[in-house]
PDB file of N, CA and C in Angstrom:
ATOM      1  N   UNK A   1       0.891  -1.399   0.351  1.00  0.00           N
ATOM      2  CA  UNK A   1       0.030   0.210  -0.108  1.00  0.00           C
ATOM      3  C   UNK A   1       1.032   1.170   0.058  1.00  0.00           C
ATOM      4  N   UNK A   2       0.474   1.917  -0.561  1.00  0.00           N
ATOM      5  CA  UNK A   2       1.112   3.354  -1.247  1.00  0.00           C
ATOM      6  C   UNK A   2       0.943   4.843  -0.140  1.00  0.00           C
ATOM      7  N   UNK A   3       1.364   5.509  -0.040  1.00  0.00           N
ATOM      8  CA  UNK A   3       1.109   6.847   1.031  1.00  0.00           C
ATOM      9  C   UNK A   3       1.349   7.939   0.603  1.00  0.00           C
ATOM     10  N   UNK A   4       0.552   8.799   0.476  1.00  0.00           N
ATOM     11  CA  UNK A   4       0.664  10.195   0.410  1.00  0.00           C
ATOM     12  C   UNK A   4       0.428  11.633   1.465  1.00  0.00           C
ATOM     13  N   UNK A   5       0.409  12.688   1.735  1.00  0.00           N
ATOM     14  CA  UNK A   5       0.094  13.184   2.880  1.00  0.00           C
ATOM     15  C   UNK A   5      -0.507  14.816   2.416  1.00  0.00           C
ATOM     16  N   UNK A   6      -1.345  15.215   2.676  1.00  0.00           N
ATOM     17  CA  UNK A   6      -1.873  16.786   2.170  1.00  0.00           C
ATOM     18  C   UNK A   6      -1.306  17.857   2.816  1.00  0.00           C
ATOM     19  N   UNK A   7      -1.237  18.689   2.632  1.00  0.00           N
ATOM     20  CA  UNK A   7      -0.642  20.029   3.163  1.00  0.00           C
ATOM     21  C   UNK A   7      -1.239  19.951   4.321  1.00  0.00           C
ATOM     22  N   UNK A   8      -2.230  20.236   4.452  1.00  0.00           N
ATOM     23  CA  UNK A   8      -3.293  20.249   5.739  1.00  0.00           C
ATOM     24  C   UNK A   8      -2.409  19.239   6.888  1.00  0.00           C
ATOM     25  N   UNK A   9      -2.576  17.980   6.297  1.00  0.00           N
ATOM     26  CA  UNK A   9      -1.829  16.829   7.126  1.00  0.00           C
ATOM     27  C   UNK A   9      -0.752  17.408   7.755  1.00  0.00           C
ATOM     28  N   UNK A  10       0.336  17.875   6.882  1.00  0.00           N
ATOM     29  CA  UNK A  10       1.832  18.273   7.300  1.00  0.00           C
ATOM     30  C   UNK A  10       1.562  19.740   8.071  1.00  0.00           C
ATOM     31  N   UNK A  11       0.670  20.730   8.406  1.00  0.00           N
ATOM     32  CA  UNK A  11       0.529  21.311   9.129  1.00  0.00           C
ATOM     33  C   UNK A  11       0.034  21.283  10.401  1.00  0.00           C
ATOM     34  N   UNK A  12      -0.998  20.153  10.208  1.00  0.00           N
ATOM     35  CA  UNK A  12      -1.396  19.509  11.686  1.00  0.00           C
ATOM     36  C   UNK A  12      -0.180  18.896  12.317  1.00  0.00           C
ATOM     37  N   UNK A  13       0.890  18.203  11.683  1.00  0.00           N
ATOM     38  CA  UNK A  13       1.805  17.405  12.172  1.00  0.00           C
ATOM     39  C   UNK A  13       2.787  18.529  13.015  1.00  0.00           C
ATOM     40  N   UNK A  14       2.947  19.253  11.949  1.00  0.00           N
ATOM     41  CA  UNK A  14       4.162  20.153  12.726  1.00  0.00           C
ATOM     42  C   UNK A  14       3.782  20.971  13.917  1.00  0.00           C
ATOM     43  N   UNK A  15       2.221  21.183  13.895  1.00  0.00           N
ATOM     44  CA  UNK A  15       1.943  21.510  15.120  1.00  0.00           C
ATOM     45  C   UNK A  15       1.851  20.675  16.384  1.00  0.00           C
ATOM     46  N   UNK A  16       1.959  19.152  16.392  1.00  0.00           N
ATOM     47  CA  UNK A  16       2.158  18.254  17.579  1.00  0.00           C
ATOM     48  C   UNK A  16       3.417  18.353  18.147  1.00  0.00           C
ATOM     49  N   UNK A  17       3.068  18.227  19.620  1.00  0.00           N
ATOM     50  CA  UNK A  17       4.403  17.910  20.438  1.00  0.00           C
ATOM     51  C   UNK A  17       5.604  17.382  19.713  1.00  0.00           C
ATOM     52  N   UNK A  18       6.712  17.623  19.845  1.00  0.00           N
ATOM     53  CA  UNK A  18       7.894  16.637  19.120  1.00  0.00           C
ATOM     54  C   UNK A  18       7.441  15.085  19.679  1.00  0.00           C
ATOM     55  N   UNK A  19       7.387  14.856  20.962  1.00  0.00           N
ATOM     56  CA  UNK A  19       7.075  13.615  21.159  1.00  0.00           C
ATOM     57  C   UNK A  19       6.288  12.683  20.379  1.00  0.00           C
ATOM     58  N   UNK A  20       5.206  13.561  20.098  1.00  0.00           N
ATOM     59  CA  UNK A  20       3.820  12.844  19.425  1.00  0.00           C
ATOM     60  C   UNK A  20       4.665  12.892  17.626  1.00  0.00           C
ATOM     61  N   UNK A  21       5.270  13.719  17.055  1.00  0.00           N
ATOM     62  CA  UNK A  21       5.781  13.655  16.064  1.00  0.00           C
ATOM     63  C   UNK A  21       6.670  12.076  15.980  1.00  0.00           C
ATOM     64  N   UNK A  22       7.732  11.692  17.174  1.00  0.00           N
ATOM     65  CA  UNK A  22       8.157  10.731  16.869  1.00  0.00           C
ATOM     66  C   UNK A  22       7.429   9.475  16.953  1.00  0.00           C
ATOM     67  N   UNK A  23       6.214   9.518  17.516  1.00  0.00           N
ATOM     68  CA  UNK A  23       5.072   8.619  17.676  1.00  0.00           C
ATOM     69  C   UNK A  23       4.874   8.227  16.482  1.00  0.00           C
ATOM     70  N   UNK A  24       4.326   9.380  15.822  1.00  0.00           N
ATOM     71  CA  UNK A  24       3.774   8.973  14.159  1.00  0.00           C
ATOM     72  C   UNK A  24       4.728   8.673  13.276  1.00  0.00           C
ATOM     73  N   UNK A  25       6.006   9.222  13.718  1.00  0.00           N
ATOM     74  CA  UNK A  25       6.949   8.429  12.602  1.00  0.00           C
ATOM     75  C   UNK A  25       6.945   7.129  12.876  1.00  0.00           C
ATOM     76  N   UNK A  26       7.080   6.379  13.951  1.00  0.00           N
ATOM     77  CA  UNK A  26       7.020   5.305  14.284  1.00  0.00           C
ATOM     78  C   UNK A  26       6.173   4.157  13.804  1.00  0.00           C
ATOM     79  N   UNK A  27       4.806   5.160  14.159  1.00  0.00           N
ATOM     80  CA  UNK A  27       3.609   4.409  13.381  1.00  0.00           C
ATOM     81  C   UNK A  27       4.021   3.993  12.100  1.00  0.00           C
ATOM     82  N   UNK A  28       4.017   5.238  11.505  1.00  0.00           N
ATOM     83  CA  UNK A  28       4.086   5.175  10.049  1.00  0.00           C
ATOM     84  C   UNK A  28       4.932   3.944   9.640  1.00  0.00           C
ATOM     85  N   UNK A  29       6.157   3.846  10.168  1.00  0.00           N
ATOM     86  CA  UNK A  29       7.083   2.938   9.440  1.00  0.00           C
ATOM     87  C   UNK A  29       6.426   1.114   9.858  1.00  0.00           C
ATOM     88  N   UNK A  30       6.032   1.485  10.829  1.00  0.00           N
ATOM     89  CA  UNK A  30       5.139   0.054  11.369  1.00  0.00           C
ATOM     90  C   UNK A  30       4.121  -0.170  10.379  1.00  0.00           C
ATOM     91  N   UNK A  31       2.839   0.677   9.825  1.00  0.00           N
ATOM     92  CA  UNK A  31       2.057   0.720   9.079  1.00  0.00           C
ATOM     93  C   UNK A  31       2.753   0.401   7.522  1.00  0.00           C
ATOM     94  N   UNK A  32       3.685   0.873   7.135  1.00  0.00           N
ATOM     95  CA  UNK A  32       4.549   1.067   5.953  1.00  0.00           C
ATOM     96  C   UNK A  32       4.622  -0.599   5.875  1.00  0.00           C
ATOM     97  N   UNK A  33       5.266  -1.085   6.911  1.00  0.00           N
ATOM     98  CA  UNK A  33       5.989  -2.456   6.916  1.00  0.00           C
ATOM     99  C   UNK A  33       4.555  -3.614   6.745  1.00  0.00           C
ATOM    100  N   UNK A  34       3.531  -3.143   7.392  1.00  0.00           N
ATOM    101  CA  UNK A  34       2.688  -4.092   7.718  1.00  0.00           C
ATOM    102  C   UNK A  34       1.402  -3.349   8.135  1.00  0.00           C
ATOM    103  N   UNK A  35       0.471  -2.832   6.838  1.00  0.00           N
ATOM    104  CA  UNK A  35      -0.809  -2.102   7.457  1.00  0.00           C
ATOM    105  C   UNK A  35      -1.425  -2.848   8.657  1.00  0.00           C
ATOM    106  N   UNK A  36      -1.691  -4.097   8.510  1.00  0.00           N
ATOM    107  CA  UNK A  36      -2.419  -4.720   9.420  1.00  0.00           C
ATOM    108  C   UNK A  36      -1.914  -5.061  10.918  1.00  0.00           C
ATOM    109  N   UNK A  37      -0.406  -4.468  11.308  1.00  0.00           N
ATOM    110  CA  UNK A  37       0.133  -4.103  12.432  1.00  0.00           C
ATOM    111  C   UNK A  37      -0.950  -4.131  13.756  1.00  0.00           C
ATOM    112  N   UNK A  38      -0.913  -5.288  14.344  1.00  0.00           N
ATOM    113  CA  UNK A  38      -1.990  -4.449  15.590  1.00  0.00           C
ATOM    114  C   UNK A  38      -1.826  -3.229  16.410  1.00  0.00           C
ATOM    115  N   UNK A  39      -0.698  -2.764  16.595  1.00  0.00           N
ATOM    116  CA  UNK A  39      -0.281  -1.768  16.883  1.00  0.00           C
ATOM    117  C   UNK A  39      -0.587  -0.432  16.436  1.00  0.00           C
ATOM    118  N   UNK A  40      -1.142  -0.530  14.930  1.00  0.00           N
ATOM    119  CA  UNK A  40      -1.592   0.713  13.963  1.00  0.00           C
ATOM    120  C   UNK A  40      -3.125   0.868  13.891  1.00  0.00           C
ATOM    121  N   UNK A  41      -3.502  -0.587  14.088  1.00  0.00           N
ATOM    122  CA  UNK A  41      -5.054  -0.543  14.605  1.00  0.00           C
ATOM    123  C   UNK A  41      -5.465   0.342  13.132  1.00  0.00           C
ATOM    124  N   UNK A  42      -5.165   0.043  12.278  1.00  0.00           N
ATOM    125  CA  UNK A  42      -5.847   0.535  10.639  1.00  0.00           C
ATOM    126  C   UNK A  42      -6.762   0.010  10.306  1.00  0.00           C
ATOM    127  N   UNK A  43      -7.807   0.603  10.287  1.00  0.00           N
ATOM    128  CA  UNK A  43      -9.564   0.473  10.250  1.00  0.00           C
ATOM    129  C   UNK A  43     -10.422   1.432   9.444  1.00  0.00           C
ATOM    130  N   UNK A  44     -11.066   0.913   8.532  1.00  0.00           N
ATOM    131  CA  UNK A  44     -11.885   2.127   7.914  1.00  0.00           C
ATOM    132  C   UNK A  44     -13.034   2.413   8.955  1.00  0.00           C
ATOM    133  N   UNK A  45     -13.591   3.470   9.134  1.00  0.00           N
ATOM    134  CA  UNK A  45     -14.149   4.441   9.961  1.00  0.00           C
ATOM    135  C   UNK A  45     -15.497   5.394   9.299  1.00  0.00           C
ATOM    136  N   UNK A  46     -15.356   4.867   8.268  1.00  0.00           N
ATOM    137  CA  UNK A  46     -16.907   5.279   7.404  1.00  0.00           C
ATOM    138  C   UNK A  46     -17.433   4.438   6.495  1.00  0.00           C
ATOM    139  N   UNK A  47     -18.645   4.308   6.695  1.00  0.00           N
ATOM    140  CA  UNK A  47     -19.460   3.095   6.272  1.00  0.00           C
ATOM    141  C   UNK A  47     -19.798   3.415   4.329  1.00  0.00           C
ATOM    142  N   UNK A  48     -20.117   4.717   4.007  1.00  0.00           N
ATOM    143  CA  UNK A  48     -20.189   5.663   3.204  1.00  0.00           C
ATOM    144  C   UNK A  48     -18.891   5.692   1.971  1.00  0.00           C
ATOM    145  N   UNK A  49     -17.687   6.248   2.924  1.00  0.00           N
ATOM    146  CA  UNK A  49     -16.492   6.686   2.191  1.00  0.00           C
ATOM    147  C   UNK A  49     -15.268   6.021   2.520  1.00  0.00           C
ATOM    148  N   UNK A  50     -14.451   5.505   1.659  1.00  0.00           N
ATOM    149  CA  UNK A  50     -13.106   4.545   2.212  1.00  0.00           C
ATOM    150  C   UNK A  50     -12.037   5.847   2.890  1.00  0.00           C
ATOM    151  N   UNK A  51     -12.858   6.008   4.193  1.00  0.00           N
ATOM    152  CA  UNK A  51     -12.111   6.954   5.324  1.00  0.00           C
ATOM    153  C   UNK A  51     -11.462   5.663   5.886  1.00  0.00           C
ATOM    154  N   UNK A  52     -10.131   5.881   6.705  1.00  0.00           N
ATOM    155  CA  UNK A  52      -9.478   4.885   7.435  1.00  0.00           C
ATOM    156  C   UNK A  52      -8.740   5.735   8.507  1.00  0.00           C
ATOM    157  N   UNK A  53      -8.667   5.168   9.624  1.00  0.00           N
ATOM    158  CA  UNK A  53      -7.753   5.514  10.285  1.00  0.00           C
ATOM    159  C   UNK A  53      -6.498   5.203  10.993  1.00  0.00           C
ATOM    160  N   UNK A  54      -5.323   5.220  11.441  1.00  0.00           N
ATOM    161  CA  UNK A  54      -4.508   4.736  11.969  1.00  0.00           C
ATOM    162  C   UNK A  54      -4.141   5.315  13.793  1.00  0.00           C
ATOM    163  N   UNK A  55      -3.650   4.194  14.468  1.00  0.00           N
ATOM    164  CA  UNK A  55      -3.000   4.735  15.552  1.00  0.00           C
ATOM    165  C   UNK A  55      -1.801   5.363  16.117  1.00  0.00           C
ATOM    166  N   UNK A  56      -1.820   6.442  16.275  1.00  0.00           N
ATOM    167  CA  UNK A  56      -0.008   7.010  16.188  1.00  0.00           C
ATOM    168  C   UNK A  56       0.133   6.516  17.912  1.00  0.00           C
ATOM    169  N   UNK A  57      -0.657   6.944  18.505  1.00  0.00           N
ATOM    170  CA  UNK A  57      -0.464   6.380  20.375  1.00  0.00           C
ATOM    171  C   UNK A  57      -1.841   6.245  20.765  1.00  0.00           C
ATOM    172  N   UNK A  58      -1.624   6.197  22.421  1.00  0.00           N
ATOM    173  CA  UNK A  58      -2.806   5.880  22.718  1.00  0.00           C
ATOM    174  C   UNK A  58      -3.829   7.008  22.649  1.00  0.00           C
ATOM    175  N   UNK A  59      -3.307   8.583  22.616  1.00  0.00           N
ATOM    176  CA  UNK A  59      -4.045   9.412  22.917  1.00  0.00           C
ATOM    177  C   UNK A  59      -4.080  10.388  21.242  1.00  0.00           C
ATOM    178  N   UNK A  60      -3.372   9.938  20.278  1.00  0.00           N
ATOM    179  CA  UNK A  60      -3.193  10.601  18.797  1.00  0.00           C
ATOM    180  C   UNK A  60      -3.872   9.643  17.472  1.00  0.00           C
ATOM    181  N   UNK A  61      -4.625   9.737  16.450  1.00  0.00           N
ATOM    182  CA  UNK A  61      -4.882   9.420  15.564  1.00  0.00           C
ATOM    183  C   UNK A  61      -4.551  10.116  14.313  1.00  0.00           C
ATOM    184  N   UNK A  62      -4.383   9.454  13.287  1.00  0.00           N
ATOM    185  CA  UNK A  62      -4.187   9.756  11.505  1.00  0.00           C
ATOM    186  C   UNK A  62      -5.548   9.444  10.922  1.00  0.00           C
ATOM    187  N   UNK A  63      -5.777  10.168  10.084  1.00  0.00           N
ATOM    188  CA  UNK A  63      -6.819   9.682   9.282  1.00  0.00           C
ATOM    189  C   UNK A  63      -6.788   9.924   7.904  1.00  0.00           C
ATOM    190  N   UNK A  64      -6.585   9.202   6.989  1.00  0.00           N
ATOM    191  CA  UNK A  64      -6.583   9.437   5.574  1.00  0.00           C
ATOM    192  C   UNK A  64      -7.945   8.686   4.622  1.00  0.00           C
ATOM    193  N   UNK A  65      -8.056   9.028   3.476  1.00  0.00           N
ATOM    194  CA  UNK A  65      -8.822   8.302   2.503  1.00  0.00           C
ATOM    195  C   UNK A  65      -8.041   7.461   1.354  1.00  0.00           C
ATOM    196  N   UNK A  66      -8.701   6.128   1.391  1.00  0.00           N
ATOM    197  CA  UNK A  66      -7.788   5.149   0.577  1.00  0.00           C
ATOM    198  C   UNK A  66      -8.717   5.592  -1.139  1.00  0.00           C
ATOM    199  N   UNK A  67      -7.682   6.007  -1.664  1.00  0.00           N
ATOM    200  CA  UNK A  67      -7.980   5.876  -3.158  1.00  0.00           C
ATOM    201  C   UNK A  67      -6.952   5.134  -4.179  1.00  0.00           C
ATOM    202  N   UNK A  68      -7.988   4.032  -4.738  1.00  0.00           N
ATOM    203  CA  UNK A  68      -6.969   2.651  -5.731  1.00  0.00           C
ATOM    204  C   UNK A  68      -5.852   2.121  -4.109  1.00  0.00           C
ATOM    205  N   UNK A  69      -4.602   1.847  -4.300  1.00  0.00           N
ATOM    206  CA  UNK A  69      -3.660   1.441  -3.495  1.00  0.00           C
ATOM    207  C   UNK A  69      -3.102   2.454  -2.762  1.00  0.00           C
ATOM    208  N   UNK A  70      -3.749   3.740  -2.665  1.00  0.00           N
ATOM    209  CA  UNK A  70      -2.947   4.837  -1.715  1.00  0.00           C
ATOM    210  C   UNK A  70      -3.739   5.163  -0.721  1.00  0.00           C
ATOM    211  N   UNK A  71      -3.228   5.294   0.518  1.00  0.00           N
ATOM    212  CA  UNK A  71      -3.684   6.414   1.405  1.00  0.00           C
ATOM    213  C   UNK A  71      -3.347   7.925   1.483  1.00  0.00           C
ATOM    214  N   UNK A  72      -4.337   8.688   1.158  1.00  0.00           N
ATOM    215  CA  UNK A  72      -4.179  10.169   1.376  1.00  0.00           C
ATOM    216  C   UNK A  72      -4.344  10.557   2.760  1.00  0.00           C
ATOM    217  N   UNK A  73      -3.143  10.885   3.386  1.00  0.00           N
ATOM    218  CA  UNK A  73      -3.643  11.140   4.842  1.00  0.00           C
ATOM    219  C   UNK A  73      -3.634  12.673   5.044  1.00  0.00           C
ATOM    220  N   UNK A  74      -4.693  13.229   5.564  1.00  0.00           N
ATOM    221  CA  UNK A  74      -5.279  14.684   5.550  1.00  0.00           C
ATOM    222  C   UNK A  74      -5.529  14.823   6.792  1.00  0.00           C
ATOM    223  N   UNK A  75      -5.445  14.402   7.947  1.00  0.00           N
ATOM    224  CA  UNK A  75      -5.610  14.617   9.434  1.00  0.00           C
ATOM    225  C   UNK A  75      -4.710  14.099  10.576  1.00  0.00           C
ATOM    226  N   UNK A  76      -4.142  14.582  11.363  1.00  0.00           N
ATOM    227  CA  UNK A  76      -3.472  13.964  12.323  1.00  0.00           C
ATOM    228  C   UNK A  76      -3.907  14.928  13.566  1.00  0.00           C
ATOM    229  N   UNK A  77      -4.202  14.194  14.643  1.00  0.00           N
ATOM    230  CA  UNK A  77      -4.797  15.194  15.950  1.00  0.00           C
ATOM    231  C   UNK A  77      -4.964  14.425  17.482  1.00  0.00           C
ATOM    232  N   UNK A  78      -5.405  14.601  18.364  1.00  0.00           N
ATOM    233  CA  UNK A  78      -5.807  14.032  19.593  1.00  0.00           C
ATOM    234  C   UNK A  78      -6.814  12.930  19.281  1.00  0.00           C
ATOM    235  N   UNK A  79      -6.950  12.411  19.987  1.00  0.00           N
ATOM    236  CA  UNK A  79      -8.000  11.426  20.040  1.00  0.00           C
ATOM    237  C   UNK A  79      -9.301  12.145  20.332  1.00  0.00           C
ATOM    238  N   UNK A  80      -9.559  12.892  21.419  1.00  0.00           N
ATOM    239  CA  UNK A  80     -10.792  13.645  21.328  1.00  0.00           C
ATOM    240  C   UNK A  80     -11.097  14.434  20.004  1.00  0.00           C
ATOM    241  N   UNK A  81     -10.312  15.103  19.244  1.00  0.00           N
ATOM    242  CA  UNK A  81     -10.264  15.460  18.202  1.00  0.00           C
ATOM    243  C   UNK A  81     -10.910  14.422  17.217  1.00  0.00           C
ATOM    244  N   UNK A  82     -10.148  13.508  17.135  1.00  0.00           N
ATOM    245  CA  UNK A  82     -10.651  12.534  16.458  1.00  0.00           C
ATOM    246  C   UNK A  82     -11.832  11.966  16.267  1.00  0.00           C
ATOM    247  N   UNK A  83     -12.541  12.022  17.306  1.00  0.00           N
ATOM    248  CA  UNK A  83     -14.161  11.743  17.711  1.00  0.00           C
ATOM    249  C   UNK A  83     -14.534  12.388  17.067  1.00  0.00           C
ATOM    250  N   UNK A  84     -14.692  14.110  17.686  1.00  0.00           N
ATOM    251  CA  UNK A  84     -15.697  14.902  16.740  1.00  0.00           C
ATOM    252  C   UNK A  84     -15.223  15.011  15.393  1.00  0.00           C
ATOM    253  N   UNK A  85     -14.270  14.735  14.846  1.00  0.00           N
ATOM    254  CA  UNK A  85     -14.161  14.846  13.205  1.00  0.00           C
ATOM    255  C   UNK A  85     -14.902  13.903  12.734  1.00  0.00           C
ATOM    256  N   UNK A  86     -15.108  12.618  13.325  1.00  0.00           N
ATOM    257  CA  UNK A  86     -15.647  11.616  12.819  1.00  0.00           C
ATOM    258  C   UNK A  86     -17.218  11.517  12.923  1.00  0.00           C
ATOM    259  N   UNK A  87     -17.703  12.543  13.803  1.00  0.00           N
ATOM    260  CA  UNK A  87     -19.179  12.417  13.940  1.00  0.00           C
ATOM    261  C   UNK A  87     -19.890  13.273  12.748  1.00  0.00           C
TER     262      UNK A  87
END
């Protein structure tokens, strides 16, 4: 599976604490090696659109849309913000 990130994703990423940025890089490496890795919890989160989330840490998530064999990551943030985003 391939991956891209939007400008919005990178803006959100750079606003995260450095520790969370490191966790995001580690989670991305796990996802890249194996999207089904249990630590990443990569899963579809929308019944109508091919929107997926991945676990960055206990408190942070990343969200992307699957287009063909490529996930386009467009959001990263806290779990609380993630819950609001999915509503």
